[in-house]
Full PDB file with SEQRES, HELIX, SHEET, SSBOND, CRYST1, ORIGX, SCALE, CONECT and MASTER records, all heavy atoms in Angstrom:
SEQRES   1 A   37  ALA THR SER CYS SER TRP ASP LEU ALA PRO HIS ARG SER          
SEQRES   2 A   37  LEU THR GLY SER ALA SER TRP ALA GLY ARG ALA LEU TRP          
SEQRES   3 A   37  GLY THR PRO THR SER PHE PHE GLY VAL ARG ARG                  
HELIX    1 AA1 THR A   15  TRP A   26  1                                  12    
CRYST1    1.000    1.000    1.000  90.00  90.00  90.00 P 1           1          
ORIGX1      1.000000  0.000000  0.000000        0.00000                         
ORIGX2      0.000000  1.000000  0.000000        0.00000                         
ORIGX3      0.000000  0.000000  1.000000        0.00000                         
SCALE1      1.000000  0.000000  0.000000        0.00000                         
SCALE2      0.000000  1.000000  0.000000        0.00000                         
SCALE3      0.000000  0.000000  1.000000        0.00000                         
ATOM      1  N   ALA A   1      25.566   7.595  -5.583  1.00  0.00           N  
ATOM      2  CA  ALA A   1      25.090   7.348  -6.915  1.00  0.00           C  
ATOM      3  C   ALA A   1      24.131   6.348  -7.025  1.00  0.00           C  
ATOM      4  O   ALA A   1      24.234   5.339  -6.176  1.00  0.00           O  
ATOM      5  CB  ALA A   1      26.298   7.001  -7.710  1.00  0.00           C  
ATOM      6  N   THR A   2      23.012   6.436  -7.702  1.00  0.00           N  
ATOM      7  CA  THR A   2      22.015   5.499  -7.780  1.00  0.00           C  
ATOM      8  C   THR A   2      21.783   5.099  -9.266  1.00  0.00           C  
ATOM      9  O   THR A   2      21.788   5.983  -9.939  1.00  0.00           O  
ATOM     10  CB  THR A   2      20.601   6.037  -7.324  1.00  0.00           C  
ATOM     11  OG1 THR A   2      20.767   6.472  -5.899  1.00  0.00           O  
ATOM     12  CG2 THR A   2      19.524   4.895  -7.280  1.00  0.00           C  
ATOM     13  N   SER A   3      21.747   3.714  -9.490  1.00  0.00           N  
ATOM     14  CA  SER A   3      21.643   3.251 -10.928  1.00  0.00           C  
ATOM     15  C   SER A   3      20.721   2.196 -10.890  1.00  0.00           C  
ATOM     16  O   SER A   3      20.642   1.332 -10.169  1.00  0.00           O  
ATOM     17  CB  SER A   3      23.161   2.849 -11.388  1.00  0.00           C  
ATOM     18  OG  SER A   3      22.972   2.372 -12.673  1.00  0.00           O  
ATOM     19  N   CYS A   4      20.208   2.027 -12.133  1.00  0.00           N  
ATOM     20  CA  CYS A   4      19.229   0.934 -12.339  1.00  0.00           C  
ATOM     21  C   CYS A   4      19.655   0.158 -13.536  1.00  0.00           C  
ATOM     22  O   CYS A   4      19.874   0.677 -14.645  1.00  0.00           O  
ATOM     23  CB  CYS A   4      17.796   1.552 -12.640  1.00  0.00           C  
ATOM     24  SG  CYS A   4      16.620   0.297 -13.105  1.00  0.00           S  
ATOM     25  N   SER A   5      19.819  -1.163 -13.476  1.00  0.00           N  
ATOM     26  CA  SER A   5      20.195  -1.972 -14.562  1.00  0.00           C  
ATOM     27  C   SER A   5      18.978  -2.969 -14.900  1.00  0.00           C  
ATOM     28  O   SER A   5      19.174  -3.876 -15.787  1.00  0.00           O  
ATOM     29  CB  SER A   5      21.415  -2.899 -14.268  1.00  0.00           C  
ATOM     30  OG  SER A   5      21.207  -3.680 -13.192  1.00  0.00           O  
ATOM     31  N   TRP A   6      17.826  -2.846 -14.342  1.00  0.00           N  
ATOM     32  CA  TRP A   6      16.696  -3.600 -14.499  1.00  0.00           C  
ATOM     33  C   TRP A   6      15.925  -3.317 -15.851  1.00  0.00           C  
ATOM     34  O   TRP A   6      16.109  -2.230 -16.417  1.00  0.00           O  
ATOM     35  CB  TRP A   6      15.793  -3.567 -13.378  1.00  0.00           C  
ATOM     36  CG  TRP A   6      16.420  -3.849 -12.054  1.00  0.00           C  
ATOM     37  CD1 TRP A   6      17.184  -4.945 -11.665  1.00  0.00           C  
ATOM     38  CD2 TRP A   6      16.236  -3.030 -10.817  1.00  0.00           C  
ATOM     39  NE1 TRP A   6      17.544  -4.787 -10.305  1.00  0.00           N  
ATOM     40  CE2 TRP A   6      17.042  -3.641  -9.893  1.00  0.00           C  
ATOM     41  CE3 TRP A   6      15.734  -1.783 -10.619  1.00  0.00           C  
ATOM     42  CZ2 TRP A   6      17.149  -3.115  -8.556  1.00  0.00           C  
ATOM     43  CZ3 TRP A   6      15.854  -1.317  -9.350  1.00  0.00           C  
ATOM     44  CH2 TRP A   6      16.637  -1.851  -8.289  1.00  0.00           C  
ATOM     45  N   ASP A   7      15.003  -4.198 -16.059  1.00  0.00           N  
ATOM     46  CA  ASP A   7      13.943  -3.785 -17.124  1.00  0.00           C  
ATOM     47  C   ASP A   7      13.017  -2.883 -16.411  1.00  0.00           C  
ATOM     48  O   ASP A   7      12.158  -3.210 -15.642  1.00  0.00           O  
ATOM     49  CB  ASP A   7      13.128  -5.075 -17.500  1.00  0.00           C  
ATOM     50  CG  ASP A   7      14.078  -6.245 -17.952  1.00  0.00           C  
ATOM     51  OD1 ASP A   7      14.381  -6.144 -19.110  1.00  0.00           O  
ATOM     52  OD2 ASP A   7      14.152  -7.162 -17.070  1.00  0.00           O  
ATOM     53  N   LEU A   8      13.023  -1.600 -16.889  1.00  0.00           N  
ATOM     54  CA  LEU A   8      12.287  -0.577 -16.321  1.00  0.00           C  
ATOM     55  C   LEU A   8      10.820  -0.503 -16.765  1.00  0.00           C  
ATOM     56  O   LEU A   8       9.967  -0.151 -16.087  1.00  0.00           O  
ATOM     57  CB  LEU A   8      12.947   0.811 -16.577  1.00  0.00           C  
ATOM     58  CG  LEU A   8      12.378   2.057 -15.980  1.00  0.00           C  
ATOM     59  CD1 LEU A   8      12.365   1.843 -14.409  1.00  0.00           C  
ATOM     60  CD2 LEU A   8      13.001   3.317 -16.294  1.00  0.00           C  
ATOM     61  N   ALA A   9      10.609  -0.917 -18.016  1.00  0.00           N  
ATOM     62  CA  ALA A   9       9.286  -0.653 -18.648  1.00  0.00           C  
ATOM     63  C   ALA A   9       8.438  -1.961 -18.809  1.00  0.00           C  
ATOM     64  O   ALA A   9       7.268  -1.950 -18.404  1.00  0.00           O  
ATOM     65  CB  ALA A   9       9.513   0.034 -19.939  1.00  0.00           C  
ATOM     66  N   PRO A  10       8.918  -3.117 -19.449  1.00  0.00           N  
ATOM     67  CA  PRO A  10       7.921  -3.977 -19.986  1.00  0.00           C  
ATOM     68  C   PRO A  10       7.118  -4.748 -19.014  1.00  0.00           C  
ATOM     69  O   PRO A  10       6.054  -5.245 -19.338  1.00  0.00           O  
ATOM     70  CB  PRO A  10       8.766  -4.903 -20.931  1.00  0.00           C  
ATOM     71  CG  PRO A  10      10.043  -4.745 -20.293  1.00  0.00           C  
ATOM     72  CD  PRO A  10      10.255  -3.400 -19.770  1.00  0.00           C  
ATOM     73  N   HIS A  11       7.669  -4.966 -17.820  1.00  0.00           N  
ATOM     74  CA  HIS A  11       6.887  -5.759 -16.863  1.00  0.00           C  
ATOM     75  C   HIS A  11       6.178  -5.013 -15.746  1.00  0.00           C  
ATOM     76  O   HIS A  11       5.689  -5.465 -14.686  1.00  0.00           O  
ATOM     77  CB  HIS A  11       7.896  -6.651 -16.084  1.00  0.00           C  
ATOM     78  CG  HIS A  11       8.639  -7.659 -16.902  1.00  0.00           C  
ATOM     79  ND1 HIS A  11       8.076  -8.467 -17.769  1.00  0.00           N  
ATOM     80  CD2 HIS A  11       9.980  -7.746 -17.171  1.00  0.00           C  
ATOM     81  CE1 HIS A  11       8.989  -9.136 -18.545  1.00  0.00           C  
ATOM     82  NE2 HIS A  11      10.142  -8.637 -18.073  1.00  0.00           N  
ATOM     83  N   ARG A  12       5.921  -3.675 -16.106  1.00  0.00           N  
ATOM     84  CA  ARG A  12       5.270  -2.763 -15.094  1.00  0.00           C  
ATOM     85  C   ARG A  12       3.755  -2.631 -15.580  1.00  0.00           C  
ATOM     86  O   ARG A  12       3.435  -2.660 -16.810  1.00  0.00           O  
ATOM     87  CB  ARG A  12       5.951  -1.413 -15.086  1.00  0.00           C  
ATOM     88  CG  ARG A  12       7.414  -1.440 -14.569  1.00  0.00           C  
ATOM     89  CD  ARG A  12       7.341  -1.825 -13.135  1.00  0.00           C  
ATOM     90  NE  ARG A  12       6.634  -0.945 -12.307  1.00  0.00           N  
ATOM     91  CZ  ARG A  12       6.278  -1.083 -10.968  1.00  0.00           C  
ATOM     92  NH1 ARG A  12       6.783  -2.237 -10.390  1.00  0.00           N  
ATOM     93  NH2 ARG A  12       5.670  -0.131 -10.349  1.00  0.00           N  
ATOM     94  N   SER A  13       2.827  -2.516 -14.684  1.00  0.00           N  
ATOM     95  CA  SER A  13       1.528  -2.211 -14.905  1.00  0.00           C  
ATOM     96  C   SER A  13       1.376  -0.816 -15.553  1.00  0.00           C  
ATOM     97  O   SER A  13       0.519  -0.500 -16.353  1.00  0.00           O  
ATOM     98  CB  SER A  13       0.661  -2.401 -13.724  1.00  0.00           C  
ATOM     99  OG  SER A  13       1.066  -1.581 -12.628  1.00  0.00           O  
ATOM    100  N   LEU A  14       2.109   0.142 -14.852  1.00  0.00           N  
ATOM    101  CA  LEU A  14       2.048   1.568 -15.427  1.00  0.00           C  
ATOM    102  C   LEU A  14       3.383   1.943 -15.885  1.00  0.00           C  
ATOM    103  O   LEU A  14       4.165   2.613 -15.074  1.00  0.00           O  
ATOM    104  CB  LEU A  14       1.477   2.397 -14.090  1.00  0.00           C  
ATOM    105  CG  LEU A  14       0.093   2.108 -13.623  1.00  0.00           C  
ATOM    106  CD1 LEU A  14      -0.148   2.965 -12.484  1.00  0.00           C  
ATOM    107  CD2 LEU A  14      -0.914   2.268 -14.823  1.00  0.00           C  
ATOM    108  N   THR A  15       3.757   1.560 -17.051  1.00  0.00           N  
ATOM    109  CA  THR A  15       5.201   1.702 -17.506  1.00  0.00           C  
ATOM    110  C   THR A  15       5.493   3.236 -17.662  1.00  0.00           C  
ATOM    111  O   THR A  15       6.646   3.655 -17.428  1.00  0.00           O  
ATOM    112  CB  THR A  15       5.331   1.019 -18.839  1.00  0.00           C  
ATOM    113  OG1 THR A  15       4.301   1.553 -19.778  1.00  0.00           O  
ATOM    114  CG2 THR A  15       5.261  -0.375 -18.714  1.00  0.00           C  
ATOM    115  N   GLY A  16       4.523   4.110 -18.031  1.00  0.00           N  
ATOM    116  CA  GLY A  16       4.823   5.455 -18.016  1.00  0.00           C  
ATOM    117  C   GLY A  16       5.315   6.015 -16.694  1.00  0.00           C  
ATOM    118  O   GLY A  16       6.215   6.795 -16.635  1.00  0.00           O  
ATOM    119  N   SER A  17       4.509   5.670 -15.690  1.00  0.00           N  
ATOM    120  CA  SER A  17       4.930   6.124 -14.330  1.00  0.00           C  
ATOM    121  C   SER A  17       6.302   5.728 -13.923  1.00  0.00           C  
ATOM    122  O   SER A  17       7.131   6.435 -13.324  1.00  0.00           O  
ATOM    123  CB  SER A  17       3.930   5.655 -13.292  1.00  0.00           C  
ATOM    124  OG  SER A  17       2.588   6.108 -13.593  1.00  0.00           O  
ATOM    125  N   ALA A  18       6.653   4.382 -14.284  1.00  0.00           N  
ATOM    126  CA  ALA A  18       7.944   3.918 -13.960  1.00  0.00           C  
ATOM    127  C   ALA A  18       9.017   4.663 -14.658  1.00  0.00           C  
ATOM    128  O   ALA A  18       9.991   4.995 -14.040  1.00  0.00           O  
ATOM    129  CB  ALA A  18       8.002   2.450 -14.247  1.00  0.00           C  
ATOM    130  N   SER A  19       8.997   4.849 -15.854  1.00  0.00           N  
ATOM    131  CA  SER A  19      10.027   5.592 -16.572  1.00  0.00           C  
ATOM    132  C   SER A  19      10.042   6.991 -16.227  1.00  0.00           C  
ATOM    133  O   SER A  19      11.140   7.599 -16.119  1.00  0.00           O  
ATOM    134  CB  SER A  19       9.702   5.517 -18.173  1.00  0.00           C  
ATOM    135  OG  SER A  19       8.507   6.130 -18.476  1.00  0.00           O  
ATOM    136  N   TRP A  20       9.007   7.631 -15.955  1.00  0.00           N  
ATOM    137  CA  TRP A  20       8.930   9.163 -15.467  1.00  0.00           C  
ATOM    138  C   TRP A  20       9.714   9.266 -14.149  1.00  0.00           C  
ATOM    139  O   TRP A  20      10.388  10.115 -13.797  1.00  0.00           O  
ATOM    140  CB  TRP A  20       7.576   9.640 -15.376  1.00  0.00           C  
ATOM    141  CG  TRP A  20       7.549  11.110 -15.647  1.00  0.00           C  
ATOM    142  CD1 TRP A  20       7.213  12.014 -14.881  1.00  0.00           C  
ATOM    143  CD2 TRP A  20       7.919  11.678 -16.944  1.00  0.00           C  
ATOM    144  NE1 TRP A  20       7.300  13.236 -15.477  1.00  0.00           N  
ATOM    145  CE2 TRP A  20       7.762  13.003 -16.848  1.00  0.00           C  
ATOM    146  CE3 TRP A  20       8.400  11.191 -18.206  1.00  0.00           C  
ATOM    147  CZ2 TRP A  20       8.115  14.018 -17.826  1.00  0.00           C  
ATOM    148  CZ3 TRP A  20       8.675  12.093 -19.229  1.00  0.00           C  
ATOM    149  CH2 TRP A  20       8.520  13.456 -19.029  1.00  0.00           C  
ATOM    150  N   ALA A  21       9.510   8.160 -13.237  1.00  0.00           N  
ATOM    151  CA  ALA A  21      10.207   8.145 -11.977  1.00  0.00           C  
ATOM    152  C   ALA A  21      11.620   8.085 -12.148  1.00  0.00           C  
ATOM    153  O   ALA A  21      12.407   8.740 -11.481  1.00  0.00           O  
ATOM    154  CB  ALA A  21       9.765   7.094 -11.121  1.00  0.00           C  
ATOM    155  N   GLY A  22      12.199   7.305 -13.159  1.00  0.00           N  
ATOM    156  CA  GLY A  22      13.521   7.244 -13.478  1.00  0.00           C  
ATOM    157  C   GLY A  22      14.020   8.550 -14.023  1.00  0.00           C  
ATOM    158  O   GLY A  22      15.258   8.865 -13.652  1.00  0.00           O  
ATOM    159  N   ARG A  23      13.273   9.163 -14.803  1.00  0.00           N  
ATOM    160  CA  ARG A  23      13.737  10.486 -15.282  1.00  0.00           C  
ATOM    161  C   ARG A  23      13.963  11.502 -14.277  1.00  0.00           C  
ATOM    162  O   ARG A  23      14.857  12.234 -14.249  1.00  0.00           O  
ATOM    163  CB  ARG A  23      12.649  11.005 -16.346  1.00  0.00           C  
ATOM    164  CG  ARG A  23      13.108  12.345 -17.009  1.00  0.00           C  
ATOM    165  CD  ARG A  23      12.217  12.589 -18.279  1.00  0.00           C  
ATOM    166  NE  ARG A  23      12.563  13.805 -18.810  1.00  0.00           N  
ATOM    167  CZ  ARG A  23      12.034  14.224 -20.026  1.00  0.00           C  
ATOM    168  NH1 ARG A  23      11.087  13.503 -20.520  1.00  0.00           N  
ATOM    169  NH2 ARG A  23      12.329  15.393 -20.598  1.00  0.00           N  
ATOM    170  N   ALA A  24      13.059  11.518 -13.278  1.00  0.00           N  
ATOM    171  CA  ALA A  24      12.977  12.467 -12.163  1.00  0.00           C  
ATOM    172  C   ALA A  24      14.454  12.176 -11.338  1.00  0.00           C  
ATOM    173  O   ALA A  24      15.031  12.997 -10.983  1.00  0.00           O  
ATOM    174  CB  ALA A  24      11.862  12.351 -11.225  1.00  0.00           C  
ATOM    175  N   LEU A  25      14.751  10.867 -11.213  1.00  0.00           N  
ATOM    176  CA  LEU A  25      15.975  10.553 -10.555  1.00  0.00           C  
ATOM    177  C   LEU A  25      17.196  10.953 -11.226  1.00  0.00           C  
ATOM    178  O   LEU A  25      18.121  11.438 -10.614  1.00  0.00           O  
ATOM    179  CB  LEU A  25      16.019   8.990 -10.284  1.00  0.00           C  
ATOM    180  CG  LEU A  25      17.154   8.457  -9.479  1.00  0.00           C  
ATOM    181  CD1 LEU A  25      17.351   9.100  -8.084  1.00  0.00           C  
ATOM    182  CD2 LEU A  25      17.143   7.078  -9.435  1.00  0.00           C  
ATOM    183  N   TRP A  26      17.151  10.934 -12.604  1.00  0.00           N  
ATOM    184  CA  TRP A  26      18.365  11.356 -13.381  1.00  0.00           C  
ATOM    185  C   TRP A  26      18.708  12.839 -12.955  1.00  0.00           C  
ATOM    186  O   TRP A  26      19.876  13.183 -12.970  1.00  0.00           O  
ATOM    187  CB  TRP A  26      17.920  11.257 -14.837  1.00  0.00           C  
ATOM    188  CG  TRP A  26      18.988  11.701 -15.711  1.00  0.00           C  
ATOM    189  CD1 TRP A  26      19.340  12.911 -16.113  1.00  0.00           C  
ATOM    190  CD2 TRP A  26      19.889  10.807 -16.527  1.00  0.00           C  
ATOM    191  NE1 TRP A  26      20.409  12.933 -16.979  1.00  0.00           N  
ATOM    192  CE2 TRP A  26      20.708  11.739 -17.255  1.00  0.00           C  
ATOM    193  CE3 TRP A  26      20.206   9.384 -16.571  1.00  0.00           C  
ATOM    194  CZ2 TRP A  26      21.741  11.234 -18.017  1.00  0.00           C  
ATOM    195  CZ3 TRP A  26      21.066   9.044 -17.399  1.00  0.00           C  
ATOM    196  CH2 TRP A  26      21.898   9.848 -18.177  1.00  0.00           C  
ATOM    197  N   GLY A  27      17.665  13.603 -12.734  1.00  0.00           N  
ATOM    198  CA  GLY A  27      17.912  15.024 -12.699  1.00  0.00           C  
ATOM    199  C   GLY A  27      18.472  15.541 -11.193  1.00  0.00           C  
ATOM    200  O   GLY A  27      18.759  16.563 -11.009  1.00  0.00           O  
ATOM    201  N   THR A  28      18.554  14.575 -10.240  1.00  0.00           N  
ATOM    202  CA  THR A  28      19.004  14.925  -8.996  1.00  0.00           C  
ATOM    203  C   THR A  28      20.474  15.096  -8.857  1.00  0.00           C  
ATOM    204  O   THR A  28      21.197  14.373  -9.601  1.00  0.00           O  
ATOM    205  CB  THR A  28      18.551  13.974  -7.844  1.00  0.00           C  
ATOM    206  OG1 THR A  28      19.133  12.675  -8.172  1.00  0.00           O  
ATOM    207  CG2 THR A  28      17.096  13.855  -7.821  1.00  0.00           C  
ATOM    208  N   PRO A  29      21.035  16.058  -8.208  1.00  0.00           N  
ATOM    209  CA  PRO A  29      22.464  16.353  -8.271  1.00  0.00           C  
ATOM    210  C   PRO A  29      23.402  15.251  -7.819  1.00  0.00           C  
ATOM    211  O   PRO A  29      24.535  15.207  -8.076  1.00  0.00           O  
ATOM    212  CB  PRO A  29      22.552  17.590  -7.323  1.00  0.00           C  
ATOM    213  CG  PRO A  29      21.405  17.578  -6.475  1.00  0.00           C  
ATOM    214  CD  PRO A  29      20.283  16.972  -7.248  1.00  0.00           C  
ATOM    215  N   THR A  30      22.879  14.357  -6.872  1.00  0.00           N  
ATOM    216  CA  THR A  30      23.900  13.391  -6.374  1.00  0.00           C  
ATOM    217  C   THR A  30      23.443  11.913  -6.900  1.00  0.00           C  
ATOM    218  O   THR A  30      23.774  10.976  -6.429  1.00  0.00           O  
ATOM    219  CB  THR A  30      23.839  13.240  -4.875  1.00  0.00           C  
ATOM    220  OG1 THR A  30      22.476  13.085  -4.361  1.00  0.00           O  
ATOM    221  CG2 THR A  30      24.281  14.614  -4.219  1.00  0.00           C  
ATOM    222  N   SER A  31      22.672  11.859  -7.936  1.00  0.00           N  
ATOM    223  CA  SER A  31      22.221  10.576  -8.583  1.00  0.00           C  
ATOM    224  C   SER A  31      22.516  10.507  -9.938  1.00  0.00           C  
ATOM    225  O   SER A  31      22.632  11.447 -10.631  1.00  0.00           O  
ATOM    226  CB  SER A  31      20.713  10.333  -8.246  1.00  0.00           C  
ATOM    227  OG  SER A  31      20.374  10.372  -6.904  1.00  0.00           O  
ATOM    228  N   PHE A  32      22.648   9.214 -10.389  1.00  0.00           N  
ATOM    229  CA  PHE A  32      22.876   8.904 -11.729  1.00  0.00           C  
ATOM    230  C   PHE A  32      22.085   7.734 -12.079  1.00  0.00           C  
ATOM    231  O   PHE A  32      22.016   6.839 -11.445  1.00  0.00           O  
ATOM    232  CB  PHE A  32      24.420   8.656 -12.147  1.00  0.00           C  
ATOM    233  CG  PHE A  32      24.600   8.787 -13.565  1.00  0.00           C  
ATOM    234  CD1 PHE A  32      25.298   9.979 -13.999  1.00  0.00           C  
ATOM    235  CD2 PHE A  32      24.378   7.786 -14.405  1.00  0.00           C  
ATOM    236  CE1 PHE A  32      25.592  10.120 -15.353  1.00  0.00           C  
ATOM    237  CE2 PHE A  32      24.746   7.939 -15.819  1.00  0.00           C  
ATOM    238  CZ  PHE A  32      25.329   9.105 -16.259  1.00  0.00           C  
ATOM    239  N   PHE A  33      21.266   7.787 -13.137  1.00  0.00           N  
ATOM    240  CA  PHE A  33      20.354   6.742 -13.545  1.00  0.00           C  
ATOM    241  C   PHE A  33      20.587   6.124 -14.846  1.00  0.00           C  
ATOM    242  O   PHE A  33      20.620   6.894 -15.846  1.00  0.00           O  
ATOM    243  CB  PHE A  33      18.889   7.324 -13.472  1.00  0.00           C  
ATOM    244  CG  PHE A  33      17.744   6.252 -13.353  1.00  0.00           C  
ATOM    245  CD1 PHE A  33      17.326   5.761 -12.249  1.00  0.00           C  
ATOM    246  CD2 PHE A  33      17.291   5.728 -14.587  1.00  0.00           C  
ATOM    247  CE1 PHE A  33      16.333   4.813 -12.194  1.00  0.00           C  
ATOM    248  CE2 PHE A  33      16.312   4.833 -14.566  1.00  0.00           C  
ATOM    249  CZ  PHE A  33      15.798   4.338 -13.369  1.00  0.00           C  
ATOM    250  N   GLY A  34      20.892   4.841 -14.836  1.00  0.00           N  
ATOM    251  CA  GLY A  34      21.155   4.136 -16.209  1.00  0.00           C  
ATOM    252  C   GLY A  34      20.179   3.011 -16.285  1.00  0.00           C  
ATOM    253  O   GLY A  34      19.845   2.377 -15.470  1.00  0.00           O  
ATOM    254  N   VAL A  35      19.806   2.805 -17.534  1.00  0.00           N  
ATOM    255  CA  VAL A  35      18.808   1.802 -17.853  1.00  0.00           C  
ATOM    256  C   VAL A  35      19.011   1.277 -19.223  1.00  0.00           C  
ATOM    257  O   VAL A  35      19.482   1.898 -20.036  1.00  0.00           O  
ATOM    258  CB  VAL A  35      17.349   2.319 -17.706  1.00  0.00           C  
ATOM    259  CG1 VAL A  35      17.071   3.353 -18.764  1.00  0.00           C  
ATOM    260  CG2 VAL A  35      16.356   1.147 -17.747  1.00  0.00           C  
ATOM    261  N   ARG A  36      18.835   0.038 -19.405  1.00  0.00           N  
ATOM    262  CA  ARG A  36      18.958  -0.500 -20.781  1.00  0.00           C  
ATOM    263  C   ARG A  36      18.002   0.206 -21.789  1.00  0.00           C  
ATOM    264  O   ARG A  36      16.908   0.626 -21.418  1.00  0.00           O  
ATOM    265  CB  ARG A  36      18.505  -2.060 -20.788  1.00  0.00           C  
ATOM    266  CG  ARG A  36      17.083  -2.279 -20.894  1.00  0.00           C  
ATOM    267  CD  ARG A  36      16.806  -3.758 -21.091  1.00  0.00           C  
ATOM    268  NE  ARG A  36      15.493  -3.906 -21.610  1.00  0.00           N  
ATOM    269  CZ  ARG A  36      14.916  -5.057 -21.895  1.00  0.00           C  
ATOM    270  NH1 ARG A  36      15.533  -6.166 -21.537  1.00  0.00           N  
ATOM    271  NH2 ARG A  36      13.751  -5.181 -22.474  1.00  0.00           N  
ATOM    272  N   ARG A  37      18.408   0.384 -22.960  1.00  0.00           N  
ATOM    273  CA  ARG A  37      17.761   1.151 -23.865  1.00  0.00           C  
ATOM    274  C   ARG A  37      16.783   0.353 -24.689  1.00  0.00           C  
ATOM    275  O   ARG A  37      15.922   0.751 -25.296  1.00  0.00           O  
ATOM    276  CB  ARG A  37      18.680   1.749 -24.919  1.00  0.00           C  
ATOM    277  CG  ARG A  37      19.542   2.893 -24.260  1.00  0.00           C  
ATOM    278  CD  ARG A  37      20.573   3.368 -25.349  1.00  0.00           C  
ATOM    279  NE  ARG A  37      21.545   2.466 -25.682  1.00  0.00           N  
ATOM    280  CZ  ARG A  37      22.577   2.641 -26.577  1.00  0.00           C  
ATOM    281  NH1 ARG A  37      22.510   3.866 -27.215  1.00  0.00           N  
ATOM    282  NH2 ARG A  37      23.360   1.702 -26.883  1.00  0.00           N  
TER     283      ARG A  37                                                      
MASTER        0    0    0    1    0    0    0    6  282    1    0    3          
END                                                                             
């Protein structure tokens, strides 16, 4: 299981890429991705 509790978006130069990477991880069968809303 993989989880993220960090600030995924506001401190990134390319926030769209960062959030899309997280979304890709969510979909893998052995991973779980959590992030603050």
